[in-house]
């Protein structure tokens, strides 16, 4: 899809939902987000490879290990986010992006702007979260 959009374009409720400009806008947003995450992950890898020196002080070593563990957990969450971004990009390609997986209704542009990987409308997401709380083992 080679639709060109200007840098200042923002989707609006005044235009047809998921028209070529909106799809191009969200594709660009998702691709940039994906690239940022991958760049950060590569930077983390470089940093971890360079920080292999043993720290003699046990408190400093513990602090370093804690920071590494936190960084790796963050990267793991971002790895999962990458798969959601990839799924959203596939939905753009197959024409289902922007529509609730549960109801088929459009997901609001405001929600997609805030969470471009959203698969449920706000109402469906709230129902899902209520069910989750109801059936969650405490």
Protein backbone atom coordinates (compact mmCIF):
# COMPACT_ATOMS: atom_id res chain seq x y z
CA UNK A 1 0.00 0.00 0.00
CA UNK A 2 1.81 3.13 -1.18
CA UNK A 3 -0.44 5.82 0.27
CA UNK A 4 1.56 8.94 1.10
CA UNK A 5 0.67 10.89 4.22
CA UNK A 6 2.16 14.13 5.46
CA UNK A 7 4.14 14.27 8.71
CA UNK A 8 1.43 16.33 10.40
CA UNK A 9 -1.49 14.07 9.36
CA UNK A 10 -3.67 12.81 12.22
CA UNK A 11 -6.65 10.48 11.75
CA UNK A 12 -10.00 12.15 12.27
CA UNK A 13 -13.53 10.98 12.96
CA UNK A 14 -14.59 13.25 10.05
CA UNK A 15 -13.16 10.84 7.46
CA UNK A 16 -14.08 7.27 6.53
CA UNK A 17 -12.85 4.78 9.15
CA UNK A 18 -9.64 2.96 8.21
CA UNK A 19 -9.31 4.71 4.87
CA UNK A 20 -5.91 4.38 3.10
CA UNK A 21 -4.50 7.45 4.90
CA UNK A 22 -5.45 6.12 8.33
CA UNK A 23 -4.02 2.70 7.53
CA UNK A 24 -0.77 4.29 6.30
CA UNK A 25 -0.64 6.45 9.43
CA UNK A 26 -1.01 3.48 11.80
CA UNK A 27 1.38 1.34 9.73
CA UNK A 28 4.03 4.07 10.01
CA UNK A 29 3.34 4.48 13.75
CA UNK A 30 3.65 0.73 14.37
CA UNK A 31 6.78 0.36 12.23
CA UNK A 32 8.50 3.25 14.05
CA UNK A 33 7.54 1.82 17.43
CA UNK A 34 8.89 -1.58 16.39
CA UNK A 35 12.18 -0.03 15.24
CA UNK A 36 12.56 1.91 18.51
CA UNK A 37 12.08 -1.27 20.54
CA UNK A 38 14.57 -3.20 18.41
CA UNK A 39 17.12 -0.37 18.63
CA UNK A 40 16.76 -0.32 22.43
CA UNK A 41 17.15 -4.10 22.56
CA UNK A 42 20.32 -3.94 20.47
CA UNK A 43 21.67 -1.22 22.74
CA UNK A 44 20.94 -3.41 25.77
CA UNK A 45 22.75 -6.31 24.15
CA UNK A 46 25.80 -4.15 23.43
CA UNK A 47 25.73 -2.82 26.99
CA UNK A 48 25.47 -6.29 28.54
CA UNK A 49 28.32 -7.55 26.36
CA UNK A 50 30.53 -4.63 27.42
CA UNK A 51 29.65 -4.90 31.12
CA UNK A 52 31.14 -8.36 31.59
CA UNK A 53 33.86 -7.14 33.95
CA UNK A 54 33.61 -8.58 37.46
CA UNK A 55 32.77 -6.01 40.09
CA UNK A 56 34.82 -6.78 43.22
CA UNK A 57 32.47 -5.19 45.75
CA UNK A 58 29.63 -7.58 46.58
CA UNK A 59 27.07 -4.79 47.05
CA UNK A 60 28.01 -3.25 43.68
CA UNK A 61 27.84 -6.68 42.05
CA UNK A 62 24.38 -7.31 43.52
CA UNK A 63 23.23 -3.91 42.31
CA UNK A 64 24.59 -4.61 38.82
CA UNK A 65 22.89 -8.02 38.70
CA UNK A 66 19.59 -6.50 39.84
CA UNK A 67 19.82 -3.86 37.10
CA UNK A 68 20.57 -6.55 34.50
CA UNK A 69 17.64 -8.69 35.63
CA UNK A 70 15.30 -5.70 35.44
CA UNK A 71 16.62 -4.78 32.00
CA UNK A 72 16.14 -8.34 30.75
CA UNK A 73 12.57 -8.47 32.10
CA UNK A 74 11.85 -5.20 30.33
CA UNK A 75 13.28 -6.59 27.09
CA UNK A 76 11.16 -9.72 27.46
CA UNK A 77 8.02 -7.59 27.78
CA UNK A 78 9.11 -5.64 24.72
CA UNK A 79 9.72 -8.89 22.81
CA UNK A 80 6.08 -9.78 23.50
CA UNK A 81 5.07 -6.28 22.38
CA UNK A 82 6.95 -6.80 19.10
CA UNK A 83 4.76 -9.83 18.38
CA UNK A 84 1.65 -7.70 19.05
CA UNK A 85 3.00 -5.01 16.72
CA UNK A 86 3.65 -7.64 14.04
CA UNK A 87 0.10 -8.97 14.48
CA UNK A 88 -1.28 -5.42 14.13
CA UNK A 89 0.74 -4.92 10.93
CA UNK A 90 -0.72 -8.20 9.59
CA UNK A 91 -4.22 -6.94 10.44
CA UNK A 92 -3.50 -3.78 8.44
CA UNK A 93 -2.57 -5.99 5.49
CA UNK A 94 -5.62 -8.24 5.77
CA UNK A 95 -8.09 -5.39 6.34
CA UNK A 96 -9.10 -6.23 9.91
CA UNK A 97 -7.04 -3.54 11.67
CA UNK A 98 -9.06 -1.13 13.78
CA UNK A 99 -12.00 -3.45 14.26
CA UNK A 100 -12.82 -5.18 17.55
CA UNK A 101 -12.04 -8.91 17.45
CA UNK A 102 -15.02 -9.60 19.69
CA UNK A 103 -17.77 -7.42 18.20
CA UNK A 104 -16.47 -6.43 14.76
CA UNK A 105 -17.22 -2.79 15.61
CA UNK A 106 -14.64 -0.05 14.94
CA UNK A 107 -12.18 0.60 17.76
CA UNK A 108 -12.11 4.34 18.47
CA UNK A 109 -9.33 6.34 16.84
CA UNK A 110 -8.52 7.76 20.26
CA UNK A 111 -7.92 4.24 21.62
CA UNK A 112 -5.87 3.21 18.58
CA UNK A 113 -3.80 6.37 18.90
CA UNK A 114 -3.05 5.53 22.54
CA UNK A 115 -2.68 1.76 22.02
CA UNK A 116 -2.10 0.98 18.31
CA UNK A 117 -1.94 -2.76 19.02
CA UNK A 118 -5.45 -2.80 20.55
CA UNK A 119 -7.63 -5.64 19.35
CA UNK A 120 -10.72 -4.87 21.42
CA UNK A 121 -12.94 -1.82 21.73
CA UNK A 122 -12.94 -0.15 25.15
CA UNK A 123 -16.27 -1.78 26.00
CA UNK A 124 -15.09 -5.25 24.97
CA UNK A 125 -11.79 -4.74 26.84
CA UNK A 126 -13.69 -3.75 29.99
CA UNK A 127 -15.90 -6.86 29.71
CA UNK A 128 -12.80 -8.99 29.20
CA UNK A 129 -11.11 -7.49 32.29
CA UNK A 130 -14.26 -7.96 34.40
CA UNK A 131 -14.45 -11.63 33.37
CA UNK A 132 -10.75 -12.01 34.12
CA UNK A 133 -11.20 -10.58 37.63
CA UNK A 134 -14.25 -12.73 38.22
CA UNK A 135 -12.56 -15.99 37.25
CA UNK A 136 -9.05 -15.23 38.48
CA UNK A 137 -7.74 -17.46 41.26
CA UNK A 138 -6.99 -15.28 44.28
